Amino acid sequence: MQVRVKYFVTLHASTDEITRARAEDPWVRVRETPEQYAAETAPKLPARKLKASWVREIVNGSKPDEDVLVREPDWVLVRDNKKCHDPHKPKDAYYIALFEDTSLGSLRDLRAEHLPLLRRVLGEAPAAVHERLAAADPEAPLPQLVCFVQYEPLYWYLHVHVVSVQHKMFAEWTGGNLALMMLDRCHTLEDVIGRLELRGDYYAHAVLPCLVKR
């Protein structure tokens, strides 16, 4: 998609002016239409998917991974070891649900036929995380978990984030404005399911908000 960006140049800028400029939010809000997706985003997906071939390796089992918590015929739940350093610590819980159907790239590809799969992930993924935590420390309180899908995603294989609401990412976000990021980029799995229940091809026709770096 095309994003118009304005640049302002201040000659002989003072220290205060430089500090204020660096503190500006680096994110730009855009709203992607289905037509923009088809014309500008979709043609780039094959190259983007090549950069995340590790997803296919985890899903098909060709890459042994001790961090896999659930392996079903059509989906896998794996610990995000970059964000979950201790799998036995409730506040650290961060898992990713990946799908066997790697043709699913993002929210845009979801249809009513995927509802049974999404409902199973919503029910089974948090339960599996709670089971692991309870086994490690039966006395520790179990965290509330939130399941969400990002658009645009970090990598173009459909995946669901399963995260403790106490995770430090919610308190120490350094990649931009957290409230704006969650509002525009993150779609709870409950909401995704609800929209597909109302219209089975909702995400093929929706105008979706995106955050892009300028």
C-alpha atoms as a PDB file:
ATOM      1  CA  MET A   1       0.000   0.000   0.000  1.00  0.00           C
ATOM      2  CA  GLN A   2       1.152   3.566  -0.586  1.00  0.00           C
ATOM      3  CA  VAL A   3       1.816   5.724   2.466  1.00  0.00           C
ATOM      4  CA  ARG A   4       2.381   9.451   2.149  1.00  0.00           C
ATOM      5  CA  VAL A   5       4.986  10.761   4.533  1.00  0.00           C
ATOM      6  CA  LYS A   6       5.876  14.404   5.136  1.00  0.00           C
ATOM      7  CA  TYR A   7       9.386  15.395   6.183  1.00  0.00           C
ATOM      8  CA  PHE A   8      10.278  18.566   8.050  1.00  0.00           C
ATOM      9  CA  VAL A   9      13.885  19.749   8.144  1.00  0.00           C
ATOM     10  CA  THR A  10      15.147  22.187  10.766  1.00  0.00           C
ATOM     11  CA  LEU A  11      18.537  23.717  10.044  1.00  0.00           C
ATOM     12  CA  HIS A  12      20.795  24.450  13.010  1.00  0.00           C
ATOM     13  CA  ALA A  13      18.407  22.520  15.299  1.00  0.00           C
ATOM     14  CA  SER A  14      18.875  22.974  19.039  1.00  0.00           C
ATOM     15  CA  THR A  15      19.397  20.040  21.435  1.00  0.00           C
ATOM     16  CA  ASP A  16      15.786  20.357  22.624  1.00  0.00           C
ATOM     17  CA  GLU A  17      14.466  20.261  19.058  1.00  0.00           C
ATOM     18  CA  ILE A  18      16.481  17.135  18.285  1.00  0.00           C
ATOM     19  CA  THR A  19      15.200  15.432  21.450  1.00  0.00           C
ATOM     20  CA  ARG A  20      11.585  16.223  20.609  1.00  0.00           C
ATOM     21  CA  ALA A  21      12.004  14.933  17.049  1.00  0.00           C
ATOM     22  CA  ARG A  22      13.467  11.633  18.232  1.00  0.00           C
ATOM     23  CA  ALA A  23      10.622  11.173  20.704  1.00  0.00           C
ATOM     24  CA  GLU A  24       7.922  11.318  18.026  1.00  0.00           C
ATOM     25  CA  ASP A  25       5.859   8.174  17.467  1.00  0.00           C
ATOM     26  CA  PRO A  26       7.480   6.215  14.578  1.00  0.00           C
ATOM     27  CA  TRP A  27       4.203   4.503  13.626  1.00  0.00           C
ATOM     28  CA  VAL A  28       1.804   5.606  10.911  1.00  0.00           C
ATOM     29  CA  ARG A  29      -1.822   4.454  10.957  1.00  0.00           C
ATOM     30  CA  VAL A  30      -3.295   3.295   7.666  1.00  0.00           C
ATOM     31  CA  ARG A  31      -6.505   1.472   6.739  1.00  0.00           C
ATOM     32  CA  GLU A  32      -6.024  -1.304   4.215  1.00  0.00           C
ATOM     33  CA  THR A  33      -8.911  -1.982   1.827  1.00  0.00           C
ATOM     34  CA  PRO A  34      -9.409  -5.403   0.200  1.00  0.00           C
ATOM     35  CA  GLU A  35      -8.386  -3.819  -3.097  1.00  0.00           C
ATOM     36  CA  GLN A  36      -5.114  -2.537  -1.598  1.00  0.00           C
ATOM     37  CA  TYR A  37      -4.428  -5.947  -0.118  1.00  0.00           C
ATOM     38  CA  ALA A  38      -4.942  -7.690  -3.459  1.00  0.00           C
ATOM     39  CA  ALA A  39      -2.918  -5.159  -5.446  1.00  0.00           C
ATOM     40  CA  GLU A  40      -0.081  -4.297  -3.070  1.00  0.00           C
ATOM     41  CA  THR A  41       0.231  -6.757  -0.170  1.00  0.00           C
ATOM     42  CA  ALA A  42      -0.670 -10.173  -1.587  1.00  0.00           C
ATOM     43  CA  PRO A  43       1.920 -10.124  -4.425  1.00  0.00           C
ATOM     44  CA  LYS A  44       4.697  -9.716  -1.846  1.00  0.00           C
ATOM     45  CA  LEU A  45       3.674 -12.693   0.307  1.00  0.00           C
ATOM     46  CA  PRO A  46       5.663 -15.491  -1.428  1.00  0.00           C
ATOM     47  CA  ALA A  47       8.937 -13.647  -0.802  1.00  0.00           C
ATOM     48  CA  ARG A  48       7.926 -12.778   2.764  1.00  0.00           C
ATOM     49  CA  LYS A  49       7.035 -16.405   3.513  1.00  0.00           C
ATOM     50  CA  LEU A  50      10.449 -17.591   2.387  1.00  0.00           C
ATOM     51  CA  LYS A  51      11.949 -15.554   5.215  1.00  0.00           C
ATOM     52  CA  ALA A  52       9.971 -17.588   7.784  1.00  0.00           C
ATOM     53  CA  SER A  53      10.483 -21.124   6.468  1.00  0.00           C
ATOM     54  CA  TRP A  54      11.126 -22.246  10.065  1.00  0.00           C
ATOM     55  CA  VAL A  55       7.345 -22.200  10.572  1.00  0.00           C
ATOM     56  CA  ARG A  56       6.875 -25.049   8.082  1.00  0.00           C
ATOM     57  CA  GLU A  57       9.665 -27.004   9.759  1.00  0.00           C
ATOM     58  CA  ILE A  58       7.959 -26.793  13.146  1.00  0.00           C
ATOM     59  CA  VAL A  59       4.510 -27.625  11.776  1.00  0.00           C
ATOM     60  CA  ASN A  60       5.569 -30.682   9.765  1.00  0.00           C
ATOM     61  CA  GLY A  61       7.870 -31.970  12.517  1.00  0.00           C
ATOM     62  CA  SER A  62      11.048 -31.927  10.405  1.00  0.00           C
ATOM     63  CA  LYS A  63      12.635 -29.679  13.013  1.00  0.00           C
ATOM     64  CA  PRO A  64      12.583 -31.382  16.451  1.00  0.00           C
ATOM     65  CA  ASP A  65      11.529 -28.803  18.976  1.00  0.00           C
ATOM     66  CA  GLU A  66      11.426 -29.402  22.708  1.00  0.00           C
ATOM     67  CA  ASP A  67       9.309 -26.275  23.087  1.00  0.00           C
ATOM     68  CA  VAL A  68       6.262 -27.810  21.353  1.00  0.00           C
ATOM     69  CA  LEU A  69       3.513 -28.093  23.959  1.00  0.00           C
ATOM     70  CA  VAL A  70       0.669 -29.395  21.780  1.00  0.00           C
ATOM     71  CA  ARG A  71       0.890 -31.227  18.468  1.00  0.00           C
ATOM     72  CA  GLU A  72      -2.397 -31.945  16.722  1.00  0.00           C
ATOM     73  CA  PRO A  73      -2.858 -33.022  13.086  1.00  0.00           C
ATOM     74  CA  ASP A  74      -3.902 -29.504  12.082  1.00  0.00           C
ATOM     75  CA  TRP A  75      -2.193 -27.194  14.579  1.00  0.00           C
ATOM     76  CA  VAL A  76       0.808 -26.906  16.895  1.00  0.00           C
ATOM     77  CA  LEU A  77       1.333 -24.907  20.075  1.00  0.00           C
ATOM     78  CA  VAL A  78       4.945 -23.877  20.621  1.00  0.00           C
ATOM     79  CA  ARG A  79       6.677 -21.751  23.228  1.00  0.00           C
ATOM     80  CA  ASP A  80       8.037 -18.435  21.971  1.00  0.00           C
ATOM     81  CA  ASN A  81      11.465 -18.815  23.562  1.00  0.00           C
ATOM     82  CA  LYS A  82      12.379 -15.212  22.786  1.00  0.00           C
ATOM     83  CA  LYS A  83       9.531 -13.907  24.945  1.00  0.00           C
ATOM     84  CA  CYS A  84       9.006 -16.816  27.344  1.00  0.00           C
ATOM     85  CA  HIS A  85      12.348 -17.489  28.994  1.00  0.00           C
ATOM     86  CA  ASP A  86      10.950 -19.675  31.781  1.00  0.00           C
ATOM     87  CA  PRO A  87       8.071 -21.999  30.740  1.00  0.00           C
ATOM     88  CA  HIS A  88       7.267 -22.651  34.400  1.00  0.00           C
ATOM     89  CA  LYS A  89       6.804 -18.995  35.349  1.00  0.00           C
ATOM     90  CA  PRO A  90       3.154 -17.841  35.069  1.00  0.00           C
ATOM     91  CA  LYS A  91       3.994 -14.219  34.247  1.00  0.00           C
ATOM     92  CA  ASP A  92       6.356 -15.351  31.483  1.00  0.00           C
ATOM     93  CA  ALA A  93       3.827 -17.450  29.531  1.00  0.00           C
ATOM     94  CA  TYR A  94       4.008 -16.718  25.792  1.00  0.00           C
ATOM     95  CA  TYR A  95       3.061 -19.358  23.223  1.00  0.00           C
ATOM     96  CA  ILE A  96       2.252 -19.380  19.511  1.00  0.00           C
ATOM     97  CA  ALA A  97      -0.342 -21.575  17.785  1.00  0.00           C
ATOM     98  CA  LEU A  98       0.749 -22.458  14.234  1.00  0.00           C
ATOM     99  CA  PHE A  99      -1.451 -24.160  11.630  1.00  0.00           C
ATOM    100  CA  GLU A 100      -0.784 -27.190   9.464  1.00  0.00           C
ATOM    101  CA  ASP A 101      -2.389 -25.401   6.525  1.00  0.00           C
ATOM    102  CA  THR A 102       0.483 -23.069   5.713  1.00  0.00           C
ATOM    103  CA  SER A 103      -1.487 -21.531   2.848  1.00  0.00           C
ATOM    104  CA  LEU A 104      -3.178 -19.466   5.572  1.00  0.00           C
ATOM    105  CA  GLY A 105      -1.120 -16.312   5.672  1.00  0.00           C
ATOM    106  CA  SER A 106      -3.145 -13.920   7.816  1.00  0.00           C
ATOM    107  CA  LEU A 107      -6.601 -12.858   8.934  1.00  0.00           C
ATOM    108  CA  ARG A 108      -7.405 -12.148   5.288  1.00  0.00           C
ATOM    109  CA  ASP A 109      -7.451 -15.896   4.518  1.00  0.00           C
ATOM    110  CA  LEU A 110      -9.868 -16.982   7.260  1.00  0.00           C
ATOM    111  CA  ARG A 111     -13.337 -18.199   6.316  1.00  0.00           C
ATOM    112  CA  ALA A 112     -16.312 -19.848   8.056  1.00  0.00           C
ATOM    113  CA  GLU A 113     -14.816 -23.269   7.316  1.00  0.00           C
ATOM    114  CA  HIS A 114     -11.980 -22.481   9.755  1.00  0.00           C
ATOM    115  CA  LEU A 115     -14.299 -21.841  12.697  1.00  0.00           C
ATOM    116  CA  PRO A 116     -14.084 -25.366  14.203  1.00  0.00           C
ATOM    117  CA  LEU A 117     -10.290 -25.145  14.158  1.00  0.00           C
ATOM    118  CA  LEU A 118     -10.216 -21.679  15.701  1.00  0.00           C
ATOM    119  CA  ARG A 119     -12.665 -22.735  18.435  1.00  0.00           C
ATOM    120  CA  ARG A 120     -10.472 -25.715  19.319  1.00  0.00           C
ATOM    121  CA  VAL A 121      -7.387 -23.512  19.555  1.00  0.00           C
ATOM    122  CA  LEU A 122      -9.268 -21.060  21.772  1.00  0.00           C
ATOM    123  CA  GLY A 123     -10.354 -23.852  24.100  1.00  0.00           C
ATOM    124  CA  GLU A 124      -7.317 -26.129  24.078  1.00  0.00           C
ATOM    125  CA  ALA A 125      -4.298 -23.808  23.861  1.00  0.00           C
ATOM    126  CA  PRO A 126      -4.891 -21.895  27.137  1.00  0.00           C
ATOM    127  CA  ALA A 127      -5.817 -25.172  28.867  1.00  0.00           C
ATOM    128  CA  ALA A 128      -2.502 -26.738  27.786  1.00  0.00           C
ATOM    129  CA  VAL A 129      -0.524 -23.751  29.070  1.00  0.00           C
ATOM    130  CA  HIS A 130      -2.381 -23.880  32.404  1.00  0.00           C
ATOM    131  CA  GLU A 131      -1.721 -27.615  32.658  1.00  0.00           C
ATOM    132  CA  ARG A 132       2.025 -27.117  32.207  1.00  0.00           C
ATOM    133  CA  LEU A 133       2.117 -24.323  34.791  1.00  0.00           C
ATOM    134  CA  ALA A 134       0.047 -26.297  37.302  1.00  0.00           C
ATOM    135  CA  ALA A 135       2.342 -29.304  36.933  1.00  0.00           C
ATOM    136  CA  ALA A 136       5.386 -27.131  37.639  1.00  0.00           C
ATOM    137  CA  ASP A 137       3.871 -25.469  40.732  1.00  0.00           C
ATOM    138  CA  PRO A 138       0.429 -26.629  41.902  1.00  0.00           C
ATOM    139  CA  GLU A 139       0.315 -23.839  44.493  1.00  0.00           C
ATOM    140  CA  ALA A 140       0.942 -20.939  42.106  1.00  0.00           C
ATOM    141  CA  PRO A 141      -2.137 -19.060  40.845  1.00  0.00           C
ATOM    142  CA  LEU A 142      -2.778 -19.597  37.157  1.00  0.00           C
ATOM    143  CA  PRO A 143      -2.529 -16.486  34.982  1.00  0.00           C
ATOM    144  CA  GLN A 144      -5.302 -15.167  32.794  1.00  0.00           C
ATOM    145  CA  LEU A 145      -4.338 -15.751  29.169  1.00  0.00           C
ATOM    146  CA  VAL A 146      -5.294 -13.697  26.124  1.00  0.00           C
ATOM    147  CA  CYS A 147      -5.358 -15.146  22.598  1.00  0.00           C
ATOM    148  CA  PHE A 148      -4.955 -12.735  19.703  1.00  0.00           C
ATOM    149  CA  VAL A 149      -3.990 -12.474  16.043  1.00  0.00           C
ATOM    150  CA  GLN A 150      -1.946  -9.578  14.698  1.00  0.00           C
ATOM    151  CA  TYR A 151      -2.550  -7.758  11.429  1.00  0.00           C
ATOM    152  CA  GLU A 152      -0.257  -7.074   9.813  1.00  0.00           C
ATOM    153  CA  PRO A 153       1.619 -10.057  11.292  1.00  0.00           C
ATOM    154  CA  LEU A 154       5.329 -10.226  11.979  1.00  0.00           C
ATOM    155  CA  TYR A 155       5.557 -13.223   9.635  1.00  0.00           C
ATOM    156  CA  TRP A 156       3.004 -14.247   7.017  1.00  0.00           C
ATOM    157  CA  TYR A 157       1.914 -17.619   8.320  1.00  0.00           C
ATOM    158  CA  LEU A 158      -1.310 -17.424  10.283  1.00  0.00           C
ATOM    159  CA  HIS A 159      -0.575 -17.746  13.995  1.00  0.00           C
ATOM    160  CA  VAL A 160      -2.308 -17.055  17.287  1.00  0.00           C
ATOM    161  CA  HIS A 161      -0.496 -15.507  20.247  1.00  0.00           C
ATOM    162  CA  VAL A 162      -1.368 -17.064  23.625  1.00  0.00           C
ATOM    163  CA  VAL A 163      -0.007 -14.739  26.301  1.00  0.00           C
ATOM    164  CA  SER A 164      -0.290 -14.115  30.033  1.00  0.00           C
ATOM    165  CA  VAL A 165      -1.949 -10.765  30.715  1.00  0.00           C
ATOM    166  CA  GLN A 166       0.824 -10.257  33.288  1.00  0.00           C
ATOM    167  CA  HIS A 167       3.558 -10.579  30.662  1.00  0.00           C
ATOM    168  CA  LYS A 168       6.131  -7.799  30.783  1.00  0.00           C
ATOM    169  CA  MET A 169       5.394  -6.849  27.161  1.00  0.00           C
ATOM    170  CA  PHE A 170       2.240  -5.151  28.377  1.00  0.00           C
ATOM    171  CA  ALA A 171       4.184  -3.012  30.871  1.00  0.00           C
ATOM    172  CA  GLU A 172       7.503  -2.473  29.116  1.00  0.00           C
ATOM    173  CA  TRP A 173       6.561  -1.970  25.454  1.00  0.00           C
ATOM    174  CA  THR A 174       9.396  -0.241  23.653  1.00  0.00           C
ATOM    175  CA  GLY A 175       8.312  -0.620  20.030  1.00  0.00           C
ATOM    176  CA  GLY A 176       5.841   2.254  19.966  1.00  0.00           C
ATOM    177  CA  ASN A 177       2.577   3.292  21.561  1.00  0.00           C
ATOM    178  CA  LEU A 178       1.191   0.133  23.228  1.00  0.00           C
ATOM    179  CA  ALA A 179      -2.416   1.304  23.387  1.00  0.00           C
ATOM    180  CA  LEU A 180      -2.383   2.178  19.686  1.00  0.00           C
ATOM    181  CA  MET A 181      -0.598  -1.066  18.826  1.00  0.00           C
ATOM    182  CA  MET A 182      -3.165  -3.191  20.661  1.00  0.00           C
ATOM    183  CA  LEU A 183      -6.095  -1.185  19.279  1.00  0.00           C
ATOM    184  CA  ASP A 184      -5.070  -1.312  15.630  1.00  0.00           C
ATOM    185  CA  ARG A 185      -2.936  -4.416  15.233  1.00  0.00           C
ATOM    186  CA  CYS A 186      -4.229  -7.011  17.692  1.00  0.00           C
ATOM    187  CA  HIS A 187      -7.508  -8.863  17.176  1.00  0.00           C
ATOM    188  CA  THR A 188      -8.628 -11.147  20.006  1.00  0.00           C
ATOM    189  CA  LEU A 189      -9.425 -14.667  18.902  1.00  0.00           C
ATOM    190  CA  GLU A 190     -12.904 -14.366  20.423  1.00  0.00           C
ATOM    191  CA  ASP A 191     -13.589 -11.352  18.180  1.00  0.00           C
ATOM    192  CA  VAL A 192     -12.198 -13.117  15.118  1.00  0.00           C
ATOM    193  CA  ILE A 193     -14.490 -16.078  15.724  1.00  0.00           C
ATOM    194  CA  GLY A 194     -17.472 -13.803  16.359  1.00  0.00           C
ATOM    195  CA  ARG A 195     -16.992 -11.904  13.100  1.00  0.00           C
ATOM    196  CA  LEU A 196     -16.637 -15.091  11.076  1.00  0.00           C
ATOM    197  CA  GLU A 197     -19.818 -16.397  12.684  1.00  0.00           C
ATOM    198  CA  LEU A 198     -21.660 -13.289  11.496  1.00  0.00           C
ATOM    199  CA  ARG A 199     -20.133 -13.397   8.010  1.00  0.00           C
ATOM    200  CA  GLY A 200     -18.016 -16.295   6.844  1.00  0.00           C
ATOM    201  CA  ASP A 201     -15.888 -14.181   4.487  1.00  0.00           C
ATOM    202  CA  TYR A 202     -15.689 -11.127   6.743  1.00  0.00           C
ATOM    203  CA  TYR A 203     -11.910 -10.702   6.493  1.00  0.00           C
ATOM    204  CA  ALA A 204     -11.931 -10.909   2.697  1.00  0.00           C
ATOM    205  CA  HIS A 205     -14.051  -7.755   2.585  1.00  0.00           C
ATOM    206  CA  ALA A 206     -13.054  -5.858   5.735  1.00  0.00           C
ATOM    207  CA  VAL A 207     -11.071  -2.643   5.809  1.00  0.00           C
ATOM    208  CA  LEU A 208      -8.352  -3.485   8.314  1.00  0.00           C
ATOM    209  CA  PRO A 209      -6.320  -0.978  10.329  1.00  0.00           C
ATOM    210  CA  CYS A 210      -2.549  -1.353  10.100  1.00  0.00           C
ATOM    211  CA  LEU A 211       0.447   0.277  11.739  1.00  0.00           C
ATOM    212  CA  VAL A 212       3.511   0.789   9.570  1.00  0.00           C
ATOM    213  CA  LYS A 213       6.825   2.353  10.455  1.00  0.00           C
ATOM    214  CA  ARG A 214       7.647   5.542   8.624  1.00  0.00           C
END
